């Protein structure tokens, strides 16, 4: 009994909190949050702000890589739908969430 009482305090006080696996796990989670989650949230906020600023006549690219010009914006069944003209007389309807970027201020590339 005396041996157990002497051994117990030595085992509990031998390690430091900063060297414990719990501290390392918490440190890993904080690093992941700072370097992965925060930048992703900022990027999502920028994309949402760009979608809210869209208007008829804006040149856009969809998430599928289709370039076009917004001709109309309507709400159907509670969803915002954008009518995009991708060629002269060719219009497609897509969900507003599929519009990825506004390319109105990007320089036009010449075709070869």
PDB file of N, CA and C in Angstrom:
ATOM      1  N   UNK A   1       0.815  -1.182   0.000  1.00  0.00           N
ATOM      2  CA  UNK A   1       0.000   0.000   0.000  1.00  0.00           C
ATOM      3  C   UNK A   1       0.867   1.257   0.000  1.00  0.00           C
ATOM      4  N   UNK A   2       1.930   1.221   0.738  1.00  0.00           N
ATOM      5  CA  UNK A   2       2.823   2.375   0.813  1.00  0.00           C
ATOM      6  C   UNK A   2       3.505   2.588  -0.532  1.00  0.00           C
ATOM      7  N   UNK A   3       3.845   1.538  -1.242  1.00  0.00           N
ATOM      8  CA  UNK A   3       4.473   1.654  -2.548  1.00  0.00           C
ATOM      9  C   UNK A   3       3.531   2.292  -3.565  1.00  0.00           C
ATOM     10  N   UNK A   4       2.273   1.958  -3.517  1.00  0.00           N
ATOM     11  CA  UNK A   4       1.295   2.539  -4.442  1.00  0.00           C
ATOM     12  C   UNK A   4       1.107   4.033  -4.198  1.00  0.00           C
ATOM     13  N   UNK A   5       1.109   4.442  -2.948  1.00  0.00           N
ATOM     14  CA  UNK A   5       0.947   5.856  -2.630  1.00  0.00           C
ATOM     15  C   UNK A   5       2.140   6.679  -3.093  1.00  0.00           C
ATOM     16  N   UNK A   6       3.316   6.112  -3.036  1.00  0.00           N
ATOM     17  CA  UNK A   6       4.502   6.841  -3.465  1.00  0.00           C
ATOM     18  C   UNK A   6       4.612   6.885  -4.989  1.00  0.00           C
ATOM     19  N   UNK A   7       4.163   5.830  -5.673  1.00  0.00           N
ATOM     20  CA  UNK A   7       4.285   5.759  -7.121  1.00  0.00           C
ATOM     21  C   UNK A   7       3.245   6.630  -7.835  1.00  0.00           C
ATOM     22  N   UNK A   8       2.093   6.831  -7.276  1.00  0.00           N
ATOM     23  CA  UNK A   8       1.018   7.574  -7.924  1.00  0.00           C
ATOM     24  C   UNK A   8       1.376   9.039  -8.183  1.00  0.00           C
ATOM     25  N   UNK A   9       1.908   9.784  -7.232  1.00  0.00           N
ATOM     26  CA  UNK A   9       2.248  11.177  -7.524  1.00  0.00           C
ATOM     27  C   UNK A   9       3.360  11.312  -8.545  1.00  0.00           C
ATOM     28  N   UNK A  10       4.272  10.406  -8.568  1.00  0.00           N
ATOM     29  CA  UNK A  10       5.365  10.486  -9.523  1.00  0.00           C
ATOM     30  C   UNK A  10       4.857  10.308 -10.947  1.00  0.00           C
ATOM     31  N   UNK A  11       3.879   9.458 -11.163  1.00  0.00           N
ATOM     32  CA  UNK A  11       3.354   9.198 -12.499  1.00  0.00           C
ATOM     33  C   UNK A  11       2.520  10.370 -13.010  1.00  0.00           C
ATOM     34  N   UNK A  12       1.780  11.025 -12.179  1.00  0.00           N
ATOM     35  CA  UNK A  12       0.908  12.110 -12.635  1.00  0.00           C
ATOM     36  C   UNK A  12       1.653  13.416 -12.849  1.00  0.00           C
ATOM     37  N   UNK A  13       2.701  13.678 -12.132  1.00  0.00           N
ATOM     38  CA  UNK A  13       3.383  14.949 -12.238  1.00  0.00           C
ATOM     39  C   UNK A  13       4.600  14.932 -13.146  1.00  0.00           C
ATOM     40  N   UNK A  14       4.839  13.849 -13.851  1.00  0.00           N
ATOM     41  CA  UNK A  14       6.073  13.742 -14.616  1.00  0.00           C
ATOM     42  C   UNK A  14       6.020  14.455 -15.969  1.00  0.00           C
ATOM     43  N   UNK A  15       4.851  14.640 -16.556  1.00  0.00           N
ATOM     44  CA  UNK A  15       4.755  15.217 -17.898  1.00  0.00           C
ATOM     45  C   UNK A  15       4.313  16.667 -17.900  1.00  0.00           C
ATOM     46  N   UNK A  16       4.586  17.345 -18.970  1.00  0.00           N
ATOM     47  CA  UNK A  16       4.178  18.733 -19.147  1.00  0.00           C
ATOM     48  C   UNK A  16       2.940  18.762 -20.043  1.00  0.00           C
ATOM     49  N   UNK A  17       2.091  19.745 -19.835  1.00  0.00           N
ATOM     50  CA  UNK A  17       0.880  19.860 -20.669  1.00  0.00           C
ATOM     51  C   UNK A  17       1.241  20.128 -22.124  1.00  0.00           C
ATOM     52  N   UNK A  18       2.304  20.893 -22.368  1.00  0.00           N
ATOM     53  CA  UNK A  18       2.686  21.256 -23.723  1.00  0.00           C
ATOM     54  C   UNK A  18       3.245  20.080 -24.523  1.00  0.00           C
ATOM     55  N   UNK A  19       3.641  19.020 -23.842  1.00  0.00           N
ATOM     56  CA  UNK A  19       4.142  17.828 -24.527  1.00  0.00           C
ATOM     57  C   UNK A  19       3.075  16.744 -24.618  1.00  0.00           C
ATOM     58  N   UNK A  20       1.892  17.017 -24.113  1.00  0.00           N
ATOM     59  CA  UNK A  20       0.844  15.999 -24.101  1.00  0.00           C
ATOM     60  C   UNK A  20       0.183  15.866 -25.473  1.00  0.00           C
ATOM     61  N   UNK A  21      -0.345  14.710 -25.780  1.00  0.00           N
ATOM     62  CA  UNK A  21      -1.046  14.514 -27.053  1.00  0.00           C
ATOM     63  C   UNK A  21      -2.285  15.402 -27.197  1.00  0.00           C
ATOM     64  N   UNK A  22      -2.926  15.727 -26.094  1.00  0.00           N
ATOM     65  CA  UNK A  22      -4.102  16.597 -26.139  1.00  0.00           C
ATOM     66  C   UNK A  22      -3.713  17.991 -26.631  1.00  0.00           C
ATOM     67  N   UNK A  23      -2.617  18.522 -26.133  1.00  0.00           N
ATOM     68  CA  UNK A  23      -2.154  19.844 -26.570  1.00  0.00           C
ATOM     69  C   UNK A  23      -1.791  19.826 -28.051  1.00  0.00           C
ATOM     70  N   UNK A  24      -1.114  18.781 -28.479  1.00  0.00           N
ATOM     71  CA  UNK A  24      -0.737  18.695 -29.883  1.00  0.00           C
ATOM     72  C   UNK A  24      -1.966  18.604 -30.788  1.00  0.00           C
ATOM     73  N   UNK A  25      -2.998  17.904 -30.355  1.00  0.00           N
ATOM     74  CA  UNK A  25      -4.240  17.806 -31.131  1.00  0.00           C
ATOM     75  C   UNK A  25      -4.929  19.165 -31.221  1.00  0.00           C
ATOM     76  N   UNK A  26      -4.966  19.879 -30.100  1.00  0.00           N
ATOM     77  CA  UNK A  26      -5.579  21.207 -30.103  1.00  0.00           C
ATOM     78  C   UNK A  26      -4.788  22.157 -31.004  1.00  0.00           C
ATOM     79  N   UNK A  27      -3.471  22.084 -30.926  1.00  0.00           N
ATOM     80  CA  UNK A  27      -2.625  22.916 -31.772  1.00  0.00           C
ATOM     81  C   UNK A  27      -2.851  22.608 -33.250  1.00  0.00           C
ATOM     82  N   UNK A  28      -2.984  21.345 -33.600  1.00  0.00           N
ATOM     83  CA  UNK A  28      -3.251  20.949 -34.982  1.00  0.00           C
ATOM     84  C   UNK A  28      -4.591  21.493 -35.470  1.00  0.00           C
ATOM     85  N   UNK A  29      -5.611  21.430 -34.634  1.00  0.00           N
ATOM     86  CA  UNK A  29      -6.926  21.956 -35.014  1.00  0.00           C
ATOM     87  C   UNK A  29      -6.892  23.473 -35.211  1.00  0.00           C
ATOM     88  N   UNK A  30      -6.170  24.184 -34.368  1.00  0.00           N
ATOM     89  CA  UNK A  30      -6.062  25.640 -34.510  1.00  0.00           C
ATOM     90  C   UNK A  30      -5.346  25.998 -35.812  1.00  0.00           C
ATOM     91  N   UNK A  31      -4.266  25.293 -36.119  1.00  0.00           N
ATOM     92  CA  UNK A  31      -3.530  25.549 -37.357  1.00  0.00           C
ATOM     93  C   UNK A  31      -4.401  25.261 -38.576  1.00  0.00           C
ATOM     94  N   UNK A  32      -5.137  24.160 -38.549  1.00  0.00           N
ATOM     95  CA  UNK A  32      -6.037  23.840 -39.668  1.00  0.00           C
ATOM     96  C   UNK A  32      -7.099  24.916 -39.839  1.00  0.00           C
ATOM     97  N   UNK A  33      -7.643  25.407 -38.739  1.00  0.00           N
ATOM     98  CA  UNK A  33      -8.678  26.431 -38.814  1.00  0.00           C
ATOM     99  C   UNK A  33      -8.122  27.713 -39.434  1.00  0.00           C
ATOM    100  N   UNK A  34      -6.941  28.118 -38.990  1.00  0.00           N
ATOM    101  CA  UNK A  34      -6.368  29.378 -39.467  1.00  0.00           C
ATOM    102  C   UNK A  34      -5.951  29.298 -40.931  1.00  0.00           C
ATOM    103  N   UNK A  35      -5.358  28.184 -41.340  1.00  0.00           N
ATOM    104  CA  UNK A  35      -4.811  28.098 -42.694  1.00  0.00           C
ATOM    105  C   UNK A  35      -5.755  27.491 -43.724  1.00  0.00           C
ATOM    106  N   UNK A  36      -6.838  26.853 -43.285  1.00  0.00           N
ATOM    107  CA  UNK A  36      -7.733  26.221 -44.262  1.00  0.00           C
ATOM    108  C   UNK A  36      -9.147  26.782 -44.216  1.00  0.00           C
ATOM    109  N   UNK A  37      -9.726  26.873 -43.059  1.00  0.00           N
ATOM    110  CA  UNK A  37     -11.146  27.231 -42.963  1.00  0.00           C
ATOM    111  C   UNK A  37     -11.363  28.732 -43.130  1.00  0.00           C
ATOM    112  N   UNK A  38     -10.558  29.569 -42.481  1.00  0.00           N
ATOM    113  CA  UNK A  38     -10.737  31.024 -42.613  1.00  0.00           C
ATOM    114  C   UNK A  38     -10.574  31.518 -44.046  1.00  0.00           C
ATOM    115  N   UNK A  39      -9.521  31.116 -44.789  1.00  0.00           N
ATOM    116  CA  UNK A  39      -9.416  31.578 -46.177  1.00  0.00           C
ATOM    117  C   UNK A  39     -10.578  31.102 -47.051  1.00  0.00           C
ATOM    118  N   UNK A  40     -11.065  29.900 -46.800  1.00  0.00           N
ATOM    119  CA  UNK A  40     -12.191  29.389 -47.581  1.00  0.00           C
ATOM    120  C   UNK A  40     -13.449  30.208 -47.306  1.00  0.00           C
ATOM    121  N   UNK A  41     -13.668  30.581 -46.062  1.00  0.00           N
ATOM    122  CA  UNK A  41     -14.833  31.416 -45.733  1.00  0.00           C
ATOM    123  C   UNK A  41     -14.740  32.780 -46.400  1.00  0.00           C
ATOM    124  N   UNK A  42     -13.537  33.368 -46.397  1.00  0.00           N
ATOM    125  CA  UNK A  42     -13.364  34.666 -47.065  1.00  0.00           C
ATOM    126  C   UNK A  42     -13.658  34.562 -48.549  1.00  0.00           C
ATOM    127  N   UNK A  43     -13.186  33.499 -49.175  1.00  0.00           N
ATOM    128  CA  UNK A  43     -13.413  33.306 -50.606  1.00  0.00           C
ATOM    129  C   UNK A  43     -14.903  33.115 -50.897  1.00  0.00           C
ATOM    130  N   UNK A  44     -15.613  32.359 -50.065  1.00  0.00           N
ATOM    131  CA  UNK A  44     -17.054  32.167 -50.253  1.00  0.00           C
ATOM    132  C   UNK A  44     -17.803  33.493 -50.126  1.00  0.00           C
ATOM    133  N   UNK A  45     -17.402  34.329 -49.185  1.00  0.00           N
ATOM    134  CA  UNK A  45     -18.049  35.633 -49.027  1.00  0.00           C
ATOM    135  C   UNK A  45     -17.818  36.510 -50.256  1.00  0.00           C
ATOM    136  N   UNK A  46     -16.624  36.458 -50.832  1.00  0.00           N
ATOM    137  CA  UNK A  46     -16.339  37.232 -52.040  1.00  0.00           C
ATOM    138  C   UNK A  46     -17.174  36.739 -53.212  1.00  0.00           C
ATOM    139  N   UNK A  47     -17.332  35.439 -53.359  1.00  0.00           N
ATOM    140  CA  UNK A  47     -18.132  34.877 -54.447  1.00  0.00           C
ATOM    141  C   UNK A  47     -19.595  35.272 -54.282  1.00  0.00           C
ATOM    142  N   UNK A  48     -20.110  35.205 -53.060  1.00  0.00           N
ATOM    143  CA  UNK A  48     -21.499  35.600 -52.815  1.00  0.00           C
ATOM    144  C   UNK A  48     -21.713  37.079 -53.098  1.00  0.00           C
ATOM    145  N   UNK A  49     -20.763  37.916 -52.719  1.00  0.00           N
ATOM    146  CA  UNK A  49     -20.882  39.357 -53.000  1.00  0.00           C
ATOM    147  C   UNK A  49     -20.876  39.603 -54.505  1.00  0.00           C
ATOM    148  N   UNK A  50     -20.051  38.883 -55.230  1.00  0.00           N
ATOM    149  CA  UNK A  50     -20.011  39.035 -56.690  1.00  0.00           C
ATOM    150  C   UNK A  50     -21.324  38.579 -57.316  1.00  0.00           C
ATOM    151  N   UNK A  51     -21.928  37.514 -56.801  1.00  0.00           N
ATOM    152  CA  UNK A  51     -23.224  37.043 -57.331  1.00  0.00           C
ATOM    153  C   UNK A  51     -24.329  38.048 -57.055  1.00  0.00           C
ATOM    154  N   UNK A  52     -24.298  38.670 -55.881  1.00  0.00           N
ATOM    155  CA  UNK A  52     -25.326  39.670 -55.572  1.00  0.00           C
ATOM    156  C   UNK A  52     -25.191  40.897 -56.464  1.00  0.00           C
ATOM    157  N   UNK A  53     -23.978  41.203 -56.916  1.00  0.00           N
ATOM    158  CA  UNK A  53     -23.738  42.387 -57.736  1.00  0.00           C
ATOM    159  C   UNK A  53     -24.032  42.152 -59.221  1.00  0.00           C
ATOM    160  N   UNK A  54     -24.364  40.924 -59.606  1.00  0.00           N
ATOM    161  CA  UNK A  54     -24.633  40.645 -61.019  1.00  0.00           C
ATOM    162  C   UNK A  54     -25.868  41.398 -61.482  1.00  0.00           C
ATOM    163  N   UNK A  55     -25.829  41.814 -62.730  1.00  0.00           N
ATOM    164  CA  UNK A  55     -26.974  42.495 -63.324  1.00  0.00           C
ATOM    165  C   UNK A  55     -27.035  42.152 -64.804  1.00  0.00           C
ATOM    166  N   UNK A  56     -28.136  42.504 -65.424  1.00  0.00           N
ATOM    167  CA  UNK A  56     -28.313  42.232 -66.849  1.00  0.00           C
ATOM    168  C   UNK A  56     -27.225  42.969 -67.619  1.00  0.00           C
ATOM    169  N   UNK A  57     -26.591  42.253 -68.540  1.00  0.00           N
ATOM    170  CA  UNK A  57     -25.525  42.817 -69.338  1.00  0.00           C
ATOM    171  C   UNK A  57     -24.133  42.443 -68.856  1.00  0.00           C
ATOM    172  N   UNK A  58     -24.047  41.835 -67.681  1.00  0.00           N
ATOM    173  CA  UNK A  58     -22.737  41.429 -67.165  1.00  0.00           C
ATOM    174  C   UNK A  58     -22.216  40.231 -67.946  1.00  0.00           C
ATOM    175  N   UNK A  59     -20.932  40.242 -68.235  1.00  0.00           N
ATOM    176  CA  UNK A  59     -20.295  39.093 -68.870  1.00  0.00           C
ATOM    177  C   UNK A  59     -19.850  38.159 -67.761  1.00  0.00           C
ATOM    178  N   UNK A  60     -20.231  36.884 -67.855  1.00  0.00           N
ATOM    179  CA  UNK A  60     -19.967  35.928 -66.783  1.00  0.00           C
ATOM    180  C   UNK A  60     -19.397  34.635 -67.329  1.00  0.00           C
ATOM    181  N   UNK A  61     -18.855  33.837 -66.415  1.00  0.00           N
ATOM    182  CA  UNK A  61     -18.452  32.471 -66.710  1.00  0.00           C
ATOM    183  C   UNK A  61     -19.152  31.581 -65.679  1.00  0.00           C
ATOM    184  N   UNK A  62     -19.692  30.461 -66.139  1.00  0.00           N
ATOM    185  CA  UNK A  62     -20.389  29.555 -65.243  1.00  0.00           C
ATOM    186  C   UNK A  62     -19.403  28.579 -64.622  1.00  0.00           C
ATOM    187  N   UNK A  63     -19.865  27.825 -63.645  1.00  0.00           N
ATOM    188  CA  UNK A  63     -19.002  26.842 -63.000  1.00  0.00           C
ATOM    189  C   UNK A  63     -18.613  25.736 -63.973  1.00  0.00           C
ATOM    190  N   UNK A  64     -19.345  25.588 -65.057  1.00  0.00           N
ATOM    191  CA  UNK A  64     -19.015  24.609 -66.081  1.00  0.00           C
ATOM    192  C   UNK A  64     -18.056  25.134 -67.133  1.00  0.00           C
ATOM    193  N   UNK A  65     -17.682  26.414 -67.034  1.00  0.00           N
ATOM    194  CA  UNK A  65     -16.726  26.993 -67.962  1.00  0.00           C
ATOM    195  C   UNK A  65     -17.350  27.632 -69.188  1.00  0.00           C
ATOM    196  N   UNK A  66     -18.646  27.870 -69.169  1.00  0.00           N
ATOM    197  CA  UNK A  66     -19.344  28.483 -70.297  1.00  0.00           C
ATOM    198  C   UNK A  66     -19.347  30.003 -70.110  1.00  0.00           C
ATOM    199  N   UNK A  67     -18.856  30.728 -71.113  1.00  0.00           N
ATOM    200  CA  UNK A  67     -18.826  32.191 -71.085  1.00  0.00           C
ATOM    201  C   UNK A  67     -20.071  32.726 -71.770  1.00  0.00           C
ATOM    202  N   UNK A  68     -20.596  33.831 -71.244  1.00  0.00           N
ATOM    203  CA  UNK A  68     -21.761  34.435 -71.856  1.00  0.00           C
ATOM    204  C   UNK A  68     -22.082  35.774 -71.232  1.00  0.00           C
ATOM    205  N   UNK A  69     -23.228  36.321 -71.652  1.00  0.00           N
ATOM    206  CA  UNK A  69     -23.711  37.611 -71.174  1.00  0.00           C
ATOM    207  C   UNK A  69     -25.085  37.400 -70.565  1.00  0.00           C
ATOM    208  N   UNK A  70     -25.323  37.955 -69.391  1.00  0.00           N
ATOM    209  CA  UNK A  70     -26.614  37.823 -68.729  1.00  0.00           C
ATOM    210  C   UNK A  70     -27.645  38.640 -69.494  1.00  0.00           C
ATOM    211  N   UNK A  71     -28.741  37.994 -69.886  1.00  0.00           N
ATOM    212  CA  UNK A  71     -29.823  38.677 -70.591  1.00  0.00           C
ATOM    213  C   UNK A  71     -31.036  38.895 -69.712  1.00  0.00           C
ATOM    214  N   UNK A  72     -31.231  38.037 -68.702  1.00  0.00           N
ATOM    215  CA  UNK A  72     -32.405  38.166 -67.840  1.00  0.00           C
ATOM    216  C   UNK A  72     -32.133  37.443 -66.527  1.00  0.00           C
ATOM    217  N   UNK A  73     -32.755  37.936 -65.465  1.00  0.00           N
ATOM    218  CA  UNK A  73     -32.668  37.297 -64.152  1.00  0.00           C
ATOM    219  C   UNK A  73     -34.076  37.181 -63.598  1.00  0.00           C
ATOM    220  N   UNK A  74     -34.521  35.955 -63.329  1.00  0.00           N
ATOM    221  CA  UNK A  74     -35.876  35.708 -62.849  1.00  0.00           C
ATOM    222  C   UNK A  74     -35.823  34.776 -61.647  1.00  0.00           C
ATOM    223  N   UNK A  75     -36.947  34.682 -60.941  1.00  0.00           N
ATOM    224  CA  UNK A  75     -37.098  33.741 -59.831  1.00  0.00           C
ATOM    225  C   UNK A  75     -38.161  32.730 -60.216  1.00  0.00           C
ATOM    226  N   UNK A  76     -37.766  31.449 -60.228  1.00  0.00           N
ATOM    227  CA  UNK A  76     -38.695  30.372 -60.556  1.00  0.00           C
ATOM    228  C   UNK A  76     -38.706  29.376 -59.413  1.00  0.00           C
ATOM    229  N   UNK A  77     -39.886  29.129 -58.853  1.00  0.00           N
ATOM    230  CA  UNK A  77     -40.049  28.170 -57.767  1.00  0.00           C
ATOM    231  C   UNK A  77     -39.107  28.465 -56.600  1.00  0.00           C
ATOM    232  N   UNK A  78     -38.897  29.715 -56.296  1.00  0.00           N
ATOM    233  CA  UNK A  78     -38.061  30.100 -55.177  1.00  0.00           C
ATOM    234  C   UNK A  78     -36.569  30.108 -55.463  1.00  0.00           C
ATOM    235  N   UNK A  79     -36.163  29.758 -56.678  1.00  0.00           N
ATOM    236  CA  UNK A  79     -34.746  29.760 -57.037  1.00  0.00           C
ATOM    237  C   UNK A  79     -34.482  30.876 -58.029  1.00  0.00           C
ATOM    238  N   UNK A  80     -33.319  31.485 -57.882  1.00  0.00           N
ATOM    239  CA  UNK A  80     -32.932  32.531 -58.815  1.00  0.00           C
ATOM    240  C   UNK A  80     -32.315  31.887 -60.051  1.00  0.00           C
ATOM    241  N   UNK A  81     -32.859  32.231 -61.209  1.00  0.00           N
ATOM    242  CA  UNK A  81     -32.410  31.672 -62.478  1.00  0.00           C
ATOM    243  C   UNK A  81     -31.876  32.811 -63.342  1.00  0.00           C
ATOM    244  N   UNK A  82     -30.783  32.547 -64.025  1.00  0.00           N
ATOM    245  CA  UNK A  82     -30.146  33.533 -64.890  1.00  0.00           C
ATOM    246  C   UNK A  82     -30.227  33.024 -66.321  1.00  0.00           C
ATOM    247  N   UNK A  83     -30.661  33.888 -67.232  1.00  0.00           N
ATOM    248  CA  UNK A  83     -30.671  33.552 -68.652  1.00  0.00           C
ATOM    249  C   UNK A  83     -29.395  34.144 -69.242  1.00  0.00           C
ATOM    250  N   UNK A  84     -28.539  33.264 -69.763  1.00  0.00           N
ATOM    251  CA  UNK A  84     -27.238  33.670 -70.284  1.00  0.00           C
ATOM    252  C   UNK A  84     -27.201  33.410 -71.780  1.00  0.00           C
ATOM    253  N   UNK A  85     -26.824  34.427 -72.551  1.00  0.00           N
ATOM    254  CA  UNK A  85     -26.655  34.268 -73.991  1.00  0.00           C
ATOM    255  C   UNK A  85     -25.196  33.876 -74.237  1.00  0.00           C
ATOM    256  N   UNK A  86     -24.994  32.657 -74.784  1.00  0.00           N
ATOM    257  CA  UNK A  86     -23.641  32.153 -74.993  1.00  0.00           C
ATOM    258  C   UNK A  86     -23.170  32.343 -76.427  1.00  0.00           C
ATOM    259  N   UNK A  87     -24.078  32.588 -77.332  1.00  0.00           N
ATOM    260  CA  UNK A  87     -23.778  32.910 -78.729  1.00  0.00           C
ATOM    261  C   UNK A  87     -24.960  33.723 -79.238  1.00  0.00           C
ATOM    262  N   UNK A  88     -24.822  34.320 -80.389  1.00  0.00           N
ATOM    263  CA  UNK A  88     -25.896  35.140 -80.924  1.00  0.00           C
ATOM    264  C   UNK A  88     -27.156  34.297 -81.098  1.00  0.00           C
ATOM    265  N   UNK A  89     -28.185  34.623 -80.336  1.00  0.00           N
ATOM    266  CA  UNK A  89     -29.456  33.926 -80.415  1.00  0.00           C
ATOM    267  C   UNK A  89     -29.517  32.632 -79.620  1.00  0.00           C
ATOM    268  N   UNK A  90     -28.457  32.234 -78.950  1.00  0.00           N
ATOM    269  CA  UNK A  90     -28.442  30.999 -78.160  1.00  0.00           C
ATOM    270  C   UNK A  90     -28.435  31.383 -76.681  1.00  0.00           C
ATOM    271  N   UNK A  91     -29.554  31.080 -75.994  1.00  0.00           N
ATOM    272  CA  UNK A  91     -29.693  31.431 -74.585  1.00  0.00           C
ATOM    273  C   UNK A  91     -29.894  30.162 -73.770  1.00  0.00           C
ATOM    274  N   UNK A  92     -29.283  30.135 -72.597  1.00  0.00           N
ATOM    275  CA  UNK A  92     -29.472  29.016 -71.679  1.00  0.00           C
ATOM    276  C   UNK A  92     -29.912  29.569 -70.334  1.00  0.00           C
ATOM    277  N   UNK A  93     -30.683  28.762 -69.629  1.00  0.00           N
ATOM    278  CA  UNK A  93     -31.123  29.122 -68.281  1.00  0.00           C
ATOM    279  C   UNK A  93     -30.287  28.311 -67.305  1.00  0.00           C
ATOM    280  N   UNK A  94     -29.696  28.988 -66.349  1.00  0.00           N
ATOM    281  CA  UNK A  94     -28.909  28.299 -65.334  1.00  0.00           C
ATOM    282  C   UNK A  94     -29.242  28.867 -63.965  1.00  0.00           C
ATOM    283  N   UNK A  95     -28.957  28.088 -62.950  1.00  0.00           N
ATOM    284  CA  UNK A  95     -29.138  28.535 -61.577  1.00  0.00           C
ATOM    285  C   UNK A  95     -28.112  29.623 -61.272  1.00  0.00           C
ATOM    286  N   UNK A  96     -28.511  30.636 -60.533  1.00  0.00           N
ATOM    287  CA  UNK A  96     -27.606  31.744 -60.235  1.00  0.00           C
ATOM    288  C   UNK A  96     -26.381  31.261 -59.449  1.00  0.00           C
ATOM    289  N   UNK A  97     -26.534  30.207 -58.667  1.00  0.00           N
ATOM    290  CA  UNK A  97     -25.406  29.666 -57.910  1.00  0.00           C
ATOM    291  C   UNK A  97     -24.343  29.065 -58.822  1.00  0.00           C
ATOM    292  N   UNK A  98     -24.695  28.786 -60.084  1.00  0.00           N
ATOM    293  CA  UNK A  98     -23.729  28.239 -61.032  1.00  0.00           C
ATOM    294  C   UNK A  98     -22.894  29.320 -61.701  1.00  0.00           C
ATOM    295  N   UNK A  99     -23.279  30.575 -61.536  1.00  0.00           N
ATOM    296  CA  UNK A  99     -22.489  31.668 -62.100  1.00  0.00           C
ATOM    297  C   UNK A  99     -21.295  31.857 -61.175  1.00  0.00           C
ATOM    298  N   UNK A 100     -20.117  31.667 -61.731  1.00  0.00           N
ATOM    299  CA  UNK A 100     -18.922  31.626 -60.900  1.00  0.00           C
ATOM    300  C   UNK A 100     -18.204  32.963 -60.828  1.00  0.00           C
ATOM    301  N   UNK A 101     -18.122  33.686 -61.917  1.00  0.00           N
ATOM    302  CA  UNK A 101     -17.352  34.932 -61.896  1.00  0.00           C
ATOM    303  C   UNK A 101     -17.889  35.918 -62.912  1.00  0.00           C
ATOM    304  N   UNK A 102     -17.728  37.194 -62.598  1.00  0.00           N
ATOM    305  CA  UNK A 102     -18.071  38.278 -63.506  1.00  0.00           C
ATOM    306  C   UNK A 102     -16.810  38.629 -64.289  1.00  0.00           C
ATOM    307  N   UNK A 103     -16.883  38.532 -65.608  1.00  0.00           N
ATOM    308  CA  UNK A 103     -15.710  38.787 -66.445  1.00  0.00           C
ATOM    309  C   UNK A 103     -15.824  40.097 -67.206  1.00  0.00           C
ATOM    310  N   UNK A 104     -16.697  40.990 -66.772  1.00  0.00           N
ATOM    311  CA  UNK A 104     -16.908  42.251 -67.485  1.00  0.00           C
ATOM    312  C   UNK A 104     -15.657  43.107 -67.553  1.00  0.00           C
ATOM    313  N   UNK A 105     -14.861  43.084 -66.494  1.00  0.00           N
ATOM    314  CA  UNK A 105     -13.686  43.956 -66.472  1.00  0.00           C
ATOM    315  C   UNK A 105     -12.407  43.247 -66.921  1.00  0.00           C
ATOM    316  N   UNK A 106     -12.510  42.016 -67.403  1.00  0.00           N
ATOM    317  CA  UNK A 106     -11.337  41.293 -67.894  1.00  0.00           C
ATOM    318  C   UNK A 106     -11.074  41.675 -69.344  1.00  0.00           C
ATOM    319  N   UNK A 107      -9.793  41.788 -69.741  1.00  0.00           N
ATOM    320  CA  UNK A 107      -9.493  42.128 -71.136  1.00  0.00           C
ATOM    321  C   UNK A 107      -9.888  40.996 -72.075  1.00  0.00           C
ATOM    322  N   UNK A 108     -10.359  41.353 -73.245  1.00  0.00           N
ATOM    323  CA  UNK A 108     -10.774  40.364 -74.235  1.00  0.00           C
ATOM    324  C   UNK A 108      -9.555  39.851 -74.970  1.00  0.00           C
ATOM    325  N   UNK A 109      -9.510  38.543 -75.211  1.00  0.00           N
ATOM    326  CA  UNK A 109      -8.427  37.915 -75.955  1.00  0.00           C
ATOM    327  C   UNK A 109      -8.824  37.801 -77.409  1.00  0.00           C
ATOM    328  N   UNK A 110      -7.905  38.110 -78.286  1.00  0.00           N
ATOM    329  CA  UNK A 110      -8.174  37.984 -79.711  1.00  0.00           C
ATOM    330  C   UNK A 110      -8.111  36.539 -80.151  1.00  0.00           C
ATOM    331  N   UNK A 111      -8.905  36.170 -81.165  1.00  0.00           N
ATOM    332  CA  UNK A 111      -8.890  34.804 -81.688  1.00  0.00           C
ATOM    333  C   UNK A 111      -7.911  34.705 -82.818  1.00  0.00           C
ATOM    334  N   UNK A 112      -7.296  33.546 -82.946  1.00  0.00           N
ATOM    335  CA  UNK A 112      -6.329  33.317 -84.015  1.00  0.00           C
ATOM    336  C   UNK A 112      -6.927  32.467 -85.094  1.00  0.00           C
TER     337      UNK A 112
END
